[in-house]
Protein backbone atom coordinates (compact mmCIF):
# COMPACT_ATOMS: atom_id res chain seq x y z
CA MET A 1 145.46 52.19 85.36
CA THR A 2 147.59 54.72 83.50
CA GLU A 3 149.44 52.07 81.58
CA ASN A 4 146.51 51.75 79.13
CA ILE A 5 146.17 55.52 78.63
CA ILE A 6 148.58 57.44 76.50
CA LEU A 7 148.13 61.23 76.65
CA SER A 8 150.12 63.01 73.95
CA PRO A 9 151.54 66.33 74.44
CA VAL A 10 148.82 68.97 74.34
CA PRO A 11 149.36 72.16 72.32
CA ASP A 12 148.69 75.46 74.03
CA LEU A 13 144.88 75.93 73.44
CA SER A 14 144.40 78.54 76.20
CA ASP A 15 143.24 81.07 73.75
CA LEU A 16 140.14 79.08 73.00
CA ALA A 17 136.96 80.38 74.75
CA SER A 18 135.07 77.04 74.85
CA SER A 19 134.89 74.52 77.63
CA ALA A 20 136.16 71.01 77.47
CA VAL A 21 134.91 67.78 79.00
CA TRP A 22 136.79 64.41 79.68
CA SER A 23 135.19 61.27 80.96
CA VAL A 24 136.50 57.89 82.10
CA ARG A 25 134.67 54.69 83.04
CA TYR A 26 136.28 52.55 85.65
CA ARG A 27 135.62 49.70 88.11
CA ASP A 28 136.29 50.56 91.82
CA PRO A 29 137.88 48.06 94.21
CA SER A 30 134.33 46.86 95.41
CA GLY A 31 133.37 46.06 91.93
CA PHE A 32 131.16 48.82 91.07
CA ASP A 33 131.20 50.31 87.56
CA CYS A 34 131.63 54.09 87.83
CA GLN A 35 132.11 57.18 85.53
CA LEU A 36 134.01 60.27 86.33
CA SER A 37 133.60 63.45 84.22
CA LEU A 38 135.72 66.51 84.40
CA GLU A 39 134.98 69.89 82.90
CA SER A 40 137.31 72.77 82.59
CA ALA A 41 137.61 76.08 80.71
CA SER A 42 140.29 74.72 78.34
CA GLY A 43 141.37 71.41 76.80
CA VAL A 44 144.77 71.84 78.29
CA GLU A 45 143.39 72.27 81.91
CA VAL A 46 140.99 69.30 81.51
CA LEU A 47 143.74 67.05 80.27
CA GLN A 48 145.98 68.02 83.25
CA ARG A 49 143.10 67.32 85.61
CA ALA A 50 142.58 64.03 83.79
CA GLN A 51 146.16 62.96 84.29
CA ALA A 52 145.82 63.62 88.07
CA ALA A 53 142.51 61.85 88.17
CA LEU A 54 144.02 58.70 86.38
CA ALA A 55 146.83 58.67 88.89
CA LYS A 56 144.52 58.84 91.88
CA LEU A 57 142.19 56.18 90.50
CA SER A 58 145.17 53.87 89.85
CA GLU A 59 146.44 54.51 93.46
CA SER A 60 142.98 53.65 94.76
CA GLY A 61 142.93 50.23 92.98
CA CYS A 62 140.41 51.19 90.31
CA THR A 63 140.71 49.50 86.95
CA PRO A 64 139.58 50.78 83.56
CA ILE A 65 136.42 49.21 81.97
CA GLN A 66 137.33 47.77 78.63
CA ILE A 67 134.57 48.31 76.01
CA SER A 68 134.62 45.67 73.27
CA SER A 69 133.71 46.66 69.79
CA ALA A 70 130.86 45.09 68.00
CA THR A 71 131.91 42.26 65.76
CA ASN A 72 128.94 42.62 63.33
CA GLY A 73 129.19 46.24 62.88
CA ASN A 74 125.99 46.98 64.81
CA THR A 75 126.94 49.25 67.70
CA LYS A 76 123.45 50.27 68.67
CA ALA A 77 123.15 47.72 71.42
CA GLU A 78 126.41 48.89 72.90
CA SER A 79 125.34 52.54 73.02
CA VAL A 80 122.06 52.03 74.96
CA MET A 81 122.83 53.14 78.50
CA CYS A 82 120.56 52.77 81.48
CA PRO A 83 119.33 56.32 82.46
CA ILE A 84 119.10 55.22 86.20
CA HIS A 85 122.35 53.33 86.71
CA ASN A 86 124.44 54.60 83.82
CA VAL A 87 125.50 51.21 82.74
CA PRO A 88 125.22 49.58 79.27
CA MET A 89 122.03 47.75 78.64
CA ARG A 90 121.69 44.57 76.46
CA GLN A 91 119.06 44.05 73.87
CA TYR A 92 116.79 40.94 74.30
CA GLN A 93 114.33 39.48 71.85
CA LYS A 94 111.54 36.89 72.41
CA ASN A 95 108.35 36.19 70.46
CA GLY A 96 108.84 39.03 68.19
CA ARG A 97 109.32 41.51 71.01
CA SER A 98 112.48 43.46 71.69
CA TRP A 99 113.67 45.29 74.80
CA TYR A 100 116.83 46.42 76.63
CA ALA A 101 117.70 45.50 80.25
CA HIS A 102 120.58 44.86 82.61
CA ARG A 103 120.89 42.70 85.72
CA LEU A 104 121.24 44.55 89.08
CA GLU A 105 123.61 43.42 91.92
CA ASP A 106 120.74 41.79 93.78
CA GLY A 107 119.91 39.62 90.85
CA ASN A 108 116.75 41.60 89.61
CA TRP A 109 116.43 43.12 86.23
CA CYS A 110 116.24 46.79 85.22
CA ARG A 111 114.77 47.94 82.05
CA GLY A 112 115.80 51.62 82.55
CA LYS A 113 112.53 52.92 83.83
CA ALA A 114 111.87 54.56 87.20
CA HIS A 115 108.95 52.36 88.19
CA ASP A 116 109.48 49.06 86.31
CA ASN A 117 106.84 46.60 87.42
CA ARG A 118 107.76 43.87 84.92
């Protein structure tokens, strides 16, 4: 997993008072899409933790999720995430209507709502 990630040397930012967050999306060996977010007091610390996390994910057989860029310049459809499952949702259109949804593991559809009866 670390072969696709290049972390450049990090300058000493320890004097900065703000926190830093780092996130990675990956697929676990069972096929589930997952996201890991790390937060630390400094950018240096979060990147050190990120390197350790990438090594552990790689050892565990996890693979990075490749996100393709939009070919037509419209990235809105790619940026809509399901608030329940934290996965990308696809835009669908029919008869002048438009909605976002994604397929669940059991074959049912989720539209990102807690009680979706459609």
